[in-house]
Protein backbone atom coordinates (compact mmCIF):
# COMPACT_ATOMS: atom_id res chain seq x y z
CA MET A 1 70.85 227.07 19.57
CA ASN A 2 69.82 228.84 22.80
CA GLN A 3 69.75 232.70 21.69
CA LEU A 4 72.27 233.35 25.10
CA PRO A 5 75.98 235.17 25.75
CA GLY A 6 76.96 231.13 27.05
CA LYS A 7 77.10 227.56 24.86
CA LEU A 8 75.16 224.38 26.52
CA ILE A 9 77.19 221.16 25.22
CA VAL A 10 75.89 217.33 26.44
CA PHE A 11 76.61 214.82 26.20
CA GLU A 12 74.54 210.99 26.62
CA GLY A 13 74.41 207.26 26.20
CA VAL A 14 73.61 203.97 27.74
CA GLU A 15 75.49 203.64 31.06
CA GLY A 16 79.42 202.54 30.79
CA CYS A 17 79.21 204.42 27.28
CA GLY A 18 82.30 207.04 29.15
CA LYS A 19 80.08 209.89 28.94
CA THR A 20 81.14 211.14 32.02
CA THR A 21 84.78 210.50 31.71
CA GLN A 22 84.90 212.59 28.50
CA SER A 23 83.18 215.07 29.97
CA GLU A 24 85.56 215.63 33.12
CA LEU A 25 88.33 215.77 29.94
CA LEU A 26 86.62 218.56 28.24
CA SER A 27 86.07 220.30 32.09
CA LYS A 28 89.28 219.61 32.20
CA TYR A 29 90.40 220.82 28.84
CA PHE A 30 88.71 224.20 29.70
CA TYR A 31 90.60 224.64 32.82
CA ASP A 32 94.38 224.08 31.66
CA ASN A 33 92.75 226.58 29.10
CA GLN A 34 91.57 229.25 30.73
CA ILE A 35 88.15 228.97 29.31
CA ASP A 36 84.83 229.72 31.64
CA HIS A 37 82.27 226.83 32.17
CA LEU A 38 80.76 224.86 34.40
CA LEU A 39 80.52 221.19 34.43
CA VAL A 40 77.15 219.51 35.86
CA ARG A 41 75.20 216.53 35.77
CA GLU A 42 71.85 214.83 35.84
CA PRO A 43 69.95 214.36 37.51
CA GLY A 44 72.12 216.14 40.66
CA GLY A 45 74.17 219.05 40.60
CA THR A 46 72.44 220.47 43.61
CA GLU A 47 71.15 220.04 47.10
CA THR A 48 67.97 218.45 46.40
CA GLY A 49 68.79 217.52 42.84
CA GLU A 50 71.60 214.69 44.52
CA LYS A 51 68.38 213.45 47.00
CA ILE A 52 66.14 213.02 43.64
CA ARG A 53 69.60 211.27 42.33
CA SER A 54 69.78 208.78 45.44
CA ILE A 55 66.54 207.76 45.13
CA LEU A 56 66.00 207.19 41.31
CA LEU A 57 68.95 204.79 41.44
CA HIS A 58 68.11 202.87 44.31
CA SER A 59 64.38 202.91 44.99
CA GLU A 60 62.29 199.56 43.78
CA GLU A 61 59.04 201.79 44.03
CA LEU A 62 59.23 203.59 40.97
CA ASN A 63 57.80 203.42 37.39
CA GLY A 64 58.67 205.74 33.91
CA LEU A 65 55.71 208.19 34.76
CA SER A 66 57.52 208.07 38.69
CA GLU A 67 60.83 208.53 37.05
CA LEU A 68 60.08 211.10 34.69
CA PHE A 69 58.68 213.33 37.11
CA LEU A 70 61.59 213.06 39.93
CA LEU A 71 64.44 213.73 36.70
CA SER A 72 62.25 216.68 35.05
CA ALA A 73 61.62 218.06 39.05
CA ALA A 74 65.88 217.50 38.72
CA ARG A 75 66.44 219.20 36.25
CA GLN A 76 64.12 222.19 36.74
CA ILE A 77 66.14 222.77 39.60
CA LEU A 78 69.69 222.06 38.51
CA ILE A 79 68.31 224.63 35.24
CA SER A 80 67.40 227.85 37.08
CA GLN A 81 69.18 227.17 40.13
CA LYS A 82 73.08 226.64 37.97
CA VAL A 83 72.76 226.09 33.98
CA LEU A 84 70.31 229.12 32.71
CA PRO A 85 72.54 231.55 34.97
CA ALA A 86 76.03 230.36 33.60
CA LEU A 87 74.74 230.84 30.43
CA GLU A 88 73.18 234.65 30.53
CA SER A 89 76.50 235.25 32.74
CA GLY A 90 78.45 233.63 29.30
CA LYS A 91 79.83 230.86 29.70
CA ILE A 92 79.93 227.44 28.54
CA VAL A 93 78.04 224.32 30.70
CA ILE A 94 78.93 220.84 30.55
CA SER A 95 75.72 219.03 31.56
CA ASP A 96 76.42 215.03 31.55
CA ARG A 97 72.70 213.77 30.63
CA PHE A 98 69.78 216.45 29.69
CA TYR A 99 66.01 215.38 28.90
CA PHE A 100 67.65 213.23 25.80
CA SER A 101 68.11 210.81 28.92
CA SER A 102 64.65 210.48 29.35
CA LEU A 103 63.02 210.46 26.01
CA SER A 104 65.22 207.18 25.41
CA TYR A 105 64.97 206.15 29.18
CA GLN A 106 61.55 206.62 30.10
CA GLY A 107 60.22 207.26 26.22
CA HIS A 108 61.76 204.64 24.17
CA ALA A 109 62.65 201.72 26.79
CA ARG A 110 60.24 202.58 29.30
CA GLY A 111 57.33 203.21 26.85
CA ILE A 112 55.85 206.85 27.75
CA ASP A 113 54.36 208.65 24.73
CA GLN A 114 57.13 210.72 23.44
CA SER A 115 55.15 213.67 22.91
CA ILE A 116 53.98 214.05 26.89
CA ILE A 117 58.21 213.75 28.00
CA TRP A 118 59.25 216.63 25.25
CA ASP A 119 56.06 218.47 26.57
CA ILE A 120 56.84 218.34 30.09
CA SER A 121 61.10 218.31 29.44
CA LYS A 122 60.68 221.66 27.45
CA ILE A 123 58.71 223.01 30.60
CA ALA A 124 61.37 221.83 32.83
CA ALA A 125 64.11 222.87 30.57
CA MET A 126 62.61 226.15 30.82
CA GLN A 127 62.59 225.88 26.96
CA ILE A 128 66.52 225.87 27.05
CA ASN A 129 68.30 223.74 23.98
CA PRO A 130 71.74 222.38 23.72
CA ASP A 131 74.71 223.67 20.77
CA ILE A 132 75.93 220.45 20.42
CA ALA A 133 75.19 217.10 21.98
CA PHE A 134 78.08 213.96 21.59
CA LEU A 135 76.18 210.39 21.92
CA ILE A 136 78.87 208.63 23.34
CA ASP A 137 77.54 204.98 21.61
CA ILE A 138 78.75 201.55 22.56
CA SER A 139 76.24 198.37 22.38
CA PRO A 140 75.28 196.66 26.10
CA ALA A 141 77.55 193.74 25.71
CA GLN A 142 80.42 196.29 25.64
CA SER A 143 77.94 198.41 28.37
CA PHE A 144 78.00 195.16 30.23
CA SER A 145 81.57 194.56 30.67
CA ARG A 146 82.33 197.80 31.46
CA LYS A 147 80.15 197.59 34.69
CA ILE A 148 80.82 193.77 35.27
CA ASN A 149 82.99 194.60 38.50
CA ASP A 150 81.10 197.44 39.54
CA GLN A 151 78.07 197.52 42.55
CA LYS A 152 75.26 198.31 40.00
CA ASP A 153 71.95 201.16 41.04
CA ARG A 154 68.59 200.29 39.44
CA PHE A 155 68.98 201.58 35.94
CA GLU A 156 72.19 199.50 35.68
CA ARG A 157 70.22 195.62 36.48
CA GLU A 158 67.89 196.10 33.90
CA SER A 159 68.28 193.81 31.53
CA SER A 160 69.82 193.73 27.62
CA GLU A 161 66.57 193.89 25.92
CA PHE A 162 66.53 197.84 28.53
CA HIS A 163 69.18 198.70 27.02
CA THR A 164 68.97 197.67 23.88
CA ALA A 165 65.51 200.01 24.22
CA VAL A 166 67.50 202.89 25.04
CA ARG A 167 70.93 202.74 22.63
CA GLU A 168 68.21 202.31 20.16
CA GLY A 169 66.21 205.33 21.71
CA TYR A 170 69.60 207.71 21.26
CA LEU A 171 70.18 206.56 17.84
CA SER A 172 66.85 207.34 16.55
CA ILE A 173 67.57 210.92 18.49
CA ALA A 174 70.58 211.85 16.78
CA ASN A 175 70.02 210.95 13.43
CA SER A 176 66.75 212.73 13.60
CA ASN A 177 68.55 215.87 14.50
CA GLN A 178 72.32 215.11 12.21
CA ASN A 179 72.97 219.17 12.94
CA LEU A 180 72.54 218.82 16.60
CA TRP A 181 74.30 215.68 17.25
CA ARG A 182 77.82 214.57 17.09
CA ILE A 183 77.84 210.43 17.38
CA ILE A 184 80.83 208.68 18.56
CA GLN A 185 82.19 205.70 18.82
CA GLY A 186 83.48 205.05 22.48
CA ASP A 187 84.38 201.70 21.67
CA LYS A 188 88.13 203.38 20.93
CA ASN A 189 91.07 204.66 23.34
CA ILE A 190 89.67 207.20 25.71
CA ILE A 191 91.92 210.70 24.20
CA ASP A 192 91.26 209.22 20.79
CA VAL A 193 87.65 209.86 21.88
CA HIS A 194 88.39 213.25 23.31
CA GLU A 195 90.48 214.14 20.82
CA GLU A 196 87.05 213.68 18.82
CA ILE A 197 85.38 215.67 20.60
CA LEU A 198 87.57 218.41 20.30
CA LEU A 199 87.99 218.45 16.97
CA LEU A 200 84.31 218.11 16.27
CA LEU A 201 83.66 221.21 18.83
CA ASN A 202 86.45 223.29 17.17
CA GLU A 203 84.08 222.95 14.31
CA LYS A 204 80.50 223.48 15.26
CA LEU A 205 81.15 226.18 17.54
CA SER A 206 84.89 227.65 16.78
CA LEU A 207 85.82 227.75 21.45
CA ILE A 208 88.94 225.95 21.30
CA SER A 209 91.95 228.60 19.80
CA LYS A 210 94.74 226.70 17.69
């Protein structure tokens, strides 16, 4: 947990799990209830970060290590320009992905040593850690079925074995720190998931007035 006035809420999960939808629903809830907050996504959220995002999603020249360095560059820019100032001013920050994505995708799925990823990520994130993290968990089969009619990016075109490894990585991370993580079954109705998140969020951080 950060020693900063604001709070950092992170959403993670495999492709198609619904984390972006839930991030946006939480942002709308905060907006409707006049709760000062900032919604960001990784990679992206800045002009340079969005350019890096495009490279990561579409370039066929990358491997796991080059992905890690690009993600870390985008993350450092986003943290320094937007996330840290928001937290210092007392805002709630909702982040659609954080450095746990690197641990799961580049670590568990690509095979890069976890300690290397941790070291790079801590530097890129400027020692900032989430106050609560939600893992929206679905199976690779569910992920594929939700994306079947979409134009797929480079990560979405990966094999089922890759996505299984990503999911296993997330579950391992979440189960190793149950004080931080809340695992949500993502195959439920979108509104039911949203309401479960609000309940768990209030239990952990008491952000929501009754």
